[in-house]
N, C-alpha and C. Protein backbone atom coordinates (compact mmCIF):
# COMPACT_ATOMS: atom_id res chain seq x y z
N MET A 1 -18.15 -55.05 -140.87
CA MET A 1 -16.89 -54.65 -140.29
C MET A 1 -16.52 -53.26 -140.80
N ASP A 2 -16.14 -52.39 -139.89
CA ASP A 2 -15.74 -51.03 -140.26
C ASP A 2 -14.31 -50.98 -140.77
N TYR A 3 -14.04 -49.95 -141.56
CA TYR A 3 -12.69 -49.74 -142.06
C TYR A 3 -12.36 -48.26 -142.12
N CYS A 4 -11.06 -47.99 -142.13
CA CYS A 4 -10.52 -46.65 -142.27
C CYS A 4 -9.23 -46.80 -143.08
N LEU A 5 -9.29 -46.44 -144.37
CA LEU A 5 -8.17 -46.68 -145.28
C LEU A 5 -7.51 -45.38 -145.71
N ALA A 6 -6.21 -45.33 -145.57
CA ALA A 6 -5.44 -44.17 -146.03
C ALA A 6 -5.40 -44.18 -147.54
N LEU A 7 -5.58 -43.01 -148.14
CA LEU A 7 -5.48 -42.88 -149.59
C LEU A 7 -4.05 -42.56 -149.96
N LYS A 8 -3.58 -43.24 -150.97
CA LYS A 8 -2.20 -43.05 -151.43
C LYS A 8 -2.20 -42.82 -152.93
N GLY A 9 -1.03 -42.73 -153.49
CA GLY A 9 -0.89 -42.45 -154.91
C GLY A 9 -1.49 -43.48 -155.83
N ASN A 10 -1.65 -44.72 -155.37
CA ASN A 10 -2.21 -45.74 -156.26
C ASN A 10 -3.72 -45.57 -156.47
N GLN A 11 -4.37 -44.70 -155.71
CA GLN A 11 -5.77 -44.34 -155.94
C GLN A 11 -5.81 -42.88 -156.38
N THR A 12 -5.15 -42.61 -157.49
CA THR A 12 -4.87 -41.23 -157.92
C THR A 12 -6.11 -40.34 -157.91
N HIS A 13 -7.16 -40.73 -158.62
CA HIS A 13 -8.33 -39.86 -158.74
C HIS A 13 -9.07 -39.71 -157.42
N LEU A 14 -9.23 -40.80 -156.69
CA LEU A 14 -9.91 -40.74 -155.40
C LEU A 14 -9.13 -39.87 -154.43
N HIS A 15 -7.83 -40.07 -154.36
CA HIS A 15 -6.97 -39.26 -153.48
C HIS A 15 -7.09 -37.78 -153.83
N GLU A 16 -7.02 -37.47 -155.11
CA GLU A 16 -7.09 -36.07 -155.55
C GLU A 16 -8.45 -35.45 -155.25
N ASP A 17 -9.54 -36.19 -155.46
CA ASP A 17 -10.89 -35.67 -155.17
C ASP A 17 -11.05 -35.36 -153.69
N VAL A 18 -10.60 -36.27 -152.83
CA VAL A 18 -10.72 -36.07 -151.38
C VAL A 18 -9.83 -34.91 -150.94
N LYS A 19 -8.62 -34.85 -151.45
CA LYS A 19 -7.70 -33.76 -151.11
C LYS A 19 -8.29 -32.40 -151.51
N LEU A 20 -8.81 -32.31 -152.73
CA LEU A 20 -9.40 -31.05 -153.19
C LEU A 20 -10.59 -30.64 -152.32
N TYR A 21 -11.39 -31.62 -151.91
CA TYR A 21 -12.52 -31.31 -151.05
C TYR A 21 -12.04 -30.61 -149.77
N PHE A 22 -11.10 -31.23 -149.08
CA PHE A 22 -10.66 -30.69 -147.79
C PHE A 22 -9.82 -29.42 -147.93
N GLU A 23 -9.20 -29.20 -149.07
CA GLU A 23 -8.46 -27.96 -149.30
C GLU A 23 -9.40 -26.78 -149.55
N ASN A 24 -10.63 -27.07 -149.99
CA ASN A 24 -11.54 -26.00 -150.39
C ASN A 24 -12.81 -25.88 -149.56
N LEU A 25 -13.17 -26.91 -148.80
CA LEU A 25 -14.41 -26.89 -148.03
C LEU A 25 -14.16 -27.37 -146.61
N SER A 26 -15.08 -27.04 -145.74
CA SER A 26 -15.00 -27.47 -144.35
C SER A 26 -15.78 -28.76 -144.15
N ALA A 27 -15.29 -29.59 -143.27
CA ALA A 27 -15.98 -30.83 -142.95
C ALA A 27 -17.08 -30.57 -141.94
N GLU A 28 -18.09 -31.44 -141.94
CA GLU A 28 -19.20 -31.27 -141.01
C GLU A 28 -18.83 -31.65 -139.58
N GLN A 29 -17.81 -32.52 -139.41
CA GLN A 29 -17.41 -32.95 -138.07
C GLN A 29 -15.89 -32.78 -137.92
N THR A 30 -15.47 -32.27 -136.77
CA THR A 30 -14.04 -32.12 -136.50
C THR A 30 -13.75 -32.48 -135.05
N ALA A 31 -12.51 -32.86 -134.82
CA ALA A 31 -12.02 -33.15 -133.47
C ALA A 31 -10.54 -32.83 -133.44
N VAL A 32 -10.04 -32.48 -132.25
CA VAL A 32 -8.62 -32.15 -132.08
C VAL A 32 -8.09 -32.87 -130.86
N THR A 33 -6.89 -33.43 -131.00
CA THR A 33 -6.20 -34.02 -129.86
C THR A 33 -4.80 -33.43 -129.80
N LYS A 34 -4.26 -33.38 -128.58
CA LYS A 34 -2.90 -32.88 -128.37
C LYS A 34 -2.18 -33.81 -127.42
N GLU A 35 -0.89 -33.99 -127.68
CA GLU A 35 -0.05 -34.81 -126.81
C GLU A 35 1.27 -34.10 -126.59
N LYS A 36 1.83 -34.27 -125.41
CA LYS A 36 3.11 -33.68 -125.10
C LYS A 36 4.01 -34.76 -124.52
N GLY A 37 5.23 -34.85 -125.03
CA GLY A 37 6.17 -35.83 -124.51
C GLY A 37 7.39 -35.93 -125.40
N HIS A 38 8.45 -36.45 -124.83
CA HIS A 38 9.71 -36.66 -125.57
C HIS A 38 10.22 -35.36 -126.20
N GLY A 39 10.00 -34.23 -125.54
CA GLY A 39 10.51 -32.96 -126.02
C GLY A 39 9.75 -32.35 -127.17
N ARG A 40 8.53 -32.81 -127.39
CA ARG A 40 7.74 -32.25 -128.49
C ARG A 40 6.27 -32.19 -128.12
N ILE A 41 5.54 -31.39 -128.87
CA ILE A 41 4.09 -31.29 -128.74
C ILE A 41 3.51 -31.70 -130.09
N GLU A 42 2.51 -32.58 -130.06
CA GLU A 42 1.84 -33.03 -131.27
C GLU A 42 0.37 -32.64 -131.22
N LYS A 43 -0.10 -32.07 -132.31
CA LYS A 43 -1.50 -31.69 -132.44
C LYS A 43 -2.07 -32.41 -133.66
N TRP A 44 -3.21 -33.06 -133.45
CA TRP A 44 -3.87 -33.79 -134.52
C TRP A 44 -5.26 -33.20 -134.74
N GLU A 45 -5.57 -32.82 -135.97
CA GLU A 45 -6.88 -32.30 -136.33
C GLU A 45 -7.56 -33.32 -137.26
N TYR A 46 -8.70 -33.82 -136.82
CA TYR A 46 -9.44 -34.82 -137.58
C TYR A 46 -10.67 -34.17 -138.19
N SER A 47 -10.87 -34.37 -139.47
CA SER A 47 -12.05 -33.85 -140.18
C SER A 47 -12.76 -35.00 -140.87
N LEU A 48 -14.08 -35.02 -140.77
CA LEU A 48 -14.86 -36.10 -141.36
C LEU A 48 -16.08 -35.52 -142.07
N GLU A 49 -16.30 -35.97 -143.29
CA GLU A 49 -17.44 -35.52 -144.09
C GLU A 49 -18.25 -36.74 -144.54
N THR A 50 -19.52 -36.77 -144.15
CA THR A 50 -20.38 -37.91 -144.51
C THR A 50 -21.30 -37.62 -145.71
N ASP A 51 -21.40 -36.35 -146.11
CA ASP A 51 -22.22 -36.00 -147.28
C ASP A 51 -21.35 -36.17 -148.52
N ILE A 52 -21.27 -37.41 -149.01
CA ILE A 52 -20.35 -37.72 -150.10
C ILE A 52 -21.05 -38.29 -151.33
N ASP A 53 -22.32 -37.98 -151.52
CA ASP A 53 -23.04 -38.46 -152.70
C ASP A 53 -22.39 -37.96 -154.00
N TRP A 54 -21.68 -36.85 -153.94
CA TRP A 54 -21.00 -36.29 -155.09
C TRP A 54 -19.76 -37.10 -155.50
N LEU A 55 -19.26 -37.95 -154.61
CA LEU A 55 -18.01 -38.67 -154.84
C LEU A 55 -18.24 -39.80 -155.84
N PHE A 56 -17.73 -39.63 -157.03
CA PHE A 56 -17.93 -40.58 -158.12
C PHE A 56 -17.50 -42.00 -157.74
N GLN A 57 -16.41 -42.14 -157.03
CA GLN A 57 -15.84 -43.45 -156.70
C GLN A 57 -16.56 -44.16 -155.55
N LYS A 58 -17.57 -43.53 -154.97
CA LYS A 58 -18.27 -44.11 -153.82
C LYS A 58 -18.83 -45.50 -154.12
N ALA A 59 -19.35 -45.70 -155.30
CA ALA A 59 -19.97 -46.97 -155.66
C ALA A 59 -18.97 -48.12 -155.70
N ALA A 60 -17.70 -47.82 -155.84
CA ALA A 60 -16.68 -48.87 -155.94
C ALA A 60 -16.29 -49.44 -154.58
N TRP A 61 -16.74 -48.81 -153.49
CA TRP A 61 -16.33 -49.22 -152.14
C TRP A 61 -17.55 -49.63 -151.33
N SER A 62 -17.51 -50.81 -150.79
CA SER A 62 -18.59 -51.32 -149.97
C SER A 62 -18.69 -50.54 -148.66
N ASN A 63 -19.89 -50.09 -148.34
CA ASN A 63 -20.16 -49.43 -147.07
C ASN A 63 -19.34 -48.15 -146.85
N LEU A 64 -19.00 -47.46 -147.93
CA LEU A 64 -18.26 -46.20 -147.81
C LEU A 64 -19.22 -45.11 -147.33
N ASN A 65 -18.98 -44.60 -146.11
CA ASN A 65 -19.87 -43.62 -145.50
C ASN A 65 -19.28 -42.22 -145.39
N ALA A 66 -17.95 -42.10 -145.49
CA ALA A 66 -17.35 -40.79 -145.26
C ALA A 66 -15.95 -40.71 -145.84
N ILE A 67 -15.49 -39.48 -145.98
CA ILE A 67 -14.10 -39.19 -146.30
C ILE A 67 -13.52 -38.41 -145.13
N GLY A 68 -12.24 -38.56 -144.93
CA GLY A 68 -11.63 -37.89 -143.79
C GLY A 68 -10.26 -37.33 -144.10
N ALA A 69 -9.84 -36.41 -143.25
CA ALA A 69 -8.50 -35.83 -143.33
C ALA A 69 -7.93 -35.76 -141.92
N VAL A 70 -6.64 -36.01 -141.82
CA VAL A 70 -5.94 -35.89 -140.55
C VAL A 70 -4.74 -34.99 -140.78
N LYS A 71 -4.76 -33.85 -140.11
CA LYS A 71 -3.63 -32.92 -140.20
C LYS A 71 -2.85 -33.02 -138.89
N SER A 72 -1.57 -33.32 -139.02
CA SER A 72 -0.73 -33.40 -137.83
C SER A 72 0.27 -32.25 -137.85
N ALA A 73 0.52 -31.73 -136.67
CA ALA A 73 1.54 -30.69 -136.49
C ALA A 73 2.41 -31.12 -135.31
N VAL A 74 3.71 -31.17 -135.54
CA VAL A 74 4.66 -31.55 -134.50
C VAL A 74 5.55 -30.34 -134.24
N PHE A 75 5.54 -29.88 -132.98
CA PHE A 75 6.36 -28.75 -132.56
C PHE A 75 7.53 -29.31 -131.76
N GLU A 76 8.75 -29.13 -132.30
CA GLU A 76 9.92 -29.70 -131.66
C GLU A 76 11.14 -28.85 -131.98
N LYS A 77 11.88 -28.49 -130.94
CA LYS A 77 13.12 -27.72 -131.10
C LYS A 77 12.91 -26.49 -131.97
N GLU A 78 11.88 -25.73 -131.66
CA GLU A 78 11.56 -24.48 -132.35
C GLU A 78 11.24 -24.67 -133.83
N GLU A 79 10.89 -25.87 -134.22
CA GLU A 79 10.46 -26.15 -135.59
C GLU A 79 9.07 -26.77 -135.56
N THR A 80 8.34 -26.55 -136.64
CA THR A 80 7.02 -27.15 -136.78
C THR A 80 6.99 -27.94 -138.08
N ARG A 81 6.59 -29.20 -137.97
CA ARG A 81 6.41 -30.06 -139.15
C ARG A 81 4.92 -30.36 -139.26
N THR A 82 4.36 -30.20 -140.46
CA THR A 82 2.95 -30.51 -140.66
C THR A 82 2.80 -31.51 -141.80
N GLU A 83 1.74 -32.27 -141.71
CA GLU A 83 1.43 -33.25 -142.74
C GLU A 83 -0.08 -33.48 -142.72
N THR A 84 -0.67 -33.67 -143.90
CA THR A 84 -2.09 -34.00 -143.99
C THR A 84 -2.23 -35.30 -144.75
N ARG A 85 -3.03 -36.20 -144.19
CA ARG A 85 -3.31 -37.49 -144.82
C ARG A 85 -4.82 -37.58 -145.03
N TYR A 86 -5.19 -38.31 -146.08
CA TYR A 86 -6.59 -38.40 -146.46
C TYR A 86 -7.05 -39.86 -146.40
N PHE A 87 -8.34 -40.04 -146.08
CA PHE A 87 -8.89 -41.37 -145.81
C PHE A 87 -10.27 -41.53 -146.41
N ILE A 88 -10.64 -42.79 -146.63
CA ILE A 88 -12.03 -43.17 -146.85
C ILE A 88 -12.38 -44.11 -145.71
N THR A 89 -13.66 -44.09 -145.30
CA THR A 89 -14.03 -44.90 -144.14
C THR A 89 -15.50 -45.27 -144.14
N SER A 90 -15.78 -46.36 -143.47
CA SER A 90 -17.16 -46.76 -143.24
C SER A 90 -17.72 -46.08 -141.99
N LEU A 91 -16.83 -45.48 -141.20
CA LEU A 91 -17.25 -44.80 -139.96
C LEU A 91 -17.96 -43.50 -140.28
N ASN A 92 -18.90 -43.11 -139.42
CA ASN A 92 -19.61 -41.85 -139.65
C ASN A 92 -19.59 -40.94 -138.43
N ASP A 93 -18.69 -41.21 -137.50
CA ASP A 93 -18.53 -40.38 -136.30
C ASP A 93 -17.07 -39.96 -136.20
N VAL A 94 -16.83 -38.68 -136.03
CA VAL A 94 -15.46 -38.16 -136.05
C VAL A 94 -14.62 -38.72 -134.90
N ASN A 95 -15.21 -38.99 -133.75
CA ASN A 95 -14.43 -39.53 -132.63
C ASN A 95 -13.99 -40.97 -132.89
N LEU A 96 -14.86 -41.77 -133.49
CA LEU A 96 -14.48 -43.13 -133.88
C LEU A 96 -13.40 -43.08 -134.97
N PHE A 97 -13.56 -42.15 -135.90
CA PHE A 97 -12.57 -41.95 -136.96
C PHE A 97 -11.21 -41.57 -136.36
N ALA A 98 -11.22 -40.65 -135.40
CA ALA A 98 -9.97 -40.23 -134.75
C ALA A 98 -9.30 -41.40 -134.04
N ASP A 99 -10.08 -42.20 -133.34
CA ASP A 99 -9.51 -43.38 -132.66
C ASP A 99 -8.89 -44.36 -133.65
N ALA A 100 -9.61 -44.63 -134.73
CA ALA A 100 -9.11 -45.58 -135.73
C ALA A 100 -7.85 -45.04 -136.41
N CYS A 101 -7.84 -43.77 -136.74
CA CYS A 101 -6.67 -43.18 -137.40
C CYS A 101 -5.47 -43.12 -136.48
N SER A 102 -5.68 -42.76 -135.23
CA SER A 102 -4.54 -42.65 -134.32
C SER A 102 -3.88 -44.02 -134.13
N GLN A 103 -4.65 -45.07 -134.11
CA GLN A 103 -4.08 -46.41 -134.00
C GLN A 103 -3.36 -46.80 -135.29
N ALA A 104 -3.94 -46.47 -136.43
CA ALA A 104 -3.34 -46.83 -137.72
C ALA A 104 -2.05 -46.04 -137.96
N LEU A 105 -2.01 -44.77 -137.57
CA LEU A 105 -0.85 -43.94 -137.83
C LEU A 105 0.32 -44.28 -136.91
N VAL A 106 0.02 -44.83 -135.75
CA VAL A 106 1.08 -45.22 -134.80
C VAL A 106 1.73 -46.52 -135.26
N ASN A 107 0.93 -47.44 -135.78
CA ASN A 107 1.45 -48.77 -136.18
C ASN A 107 2.12 -48.76 -137.52
């Protein structure tokens, strides 16, 4: 069974390692989606990296195949709000990752 788990403060070292990776390096796979409605425009940038042998915590997670980042930008009333969230996942395709994240972030 595949999984896509958001990293939060309770996984301090793992969250920090993944965050530092995406702040300093480019992911091998990316995808972008845009939506317009309710007086705003939303842009989602999905990044997925499967070359994670360097990730010390990899052994602690069953079937961990990739790390991911989702950057959202919401343009509304002449303001822009951005947020980046970080993930670990068994998925190794950025489009599957984007689908899983978009469902998780909506719910």
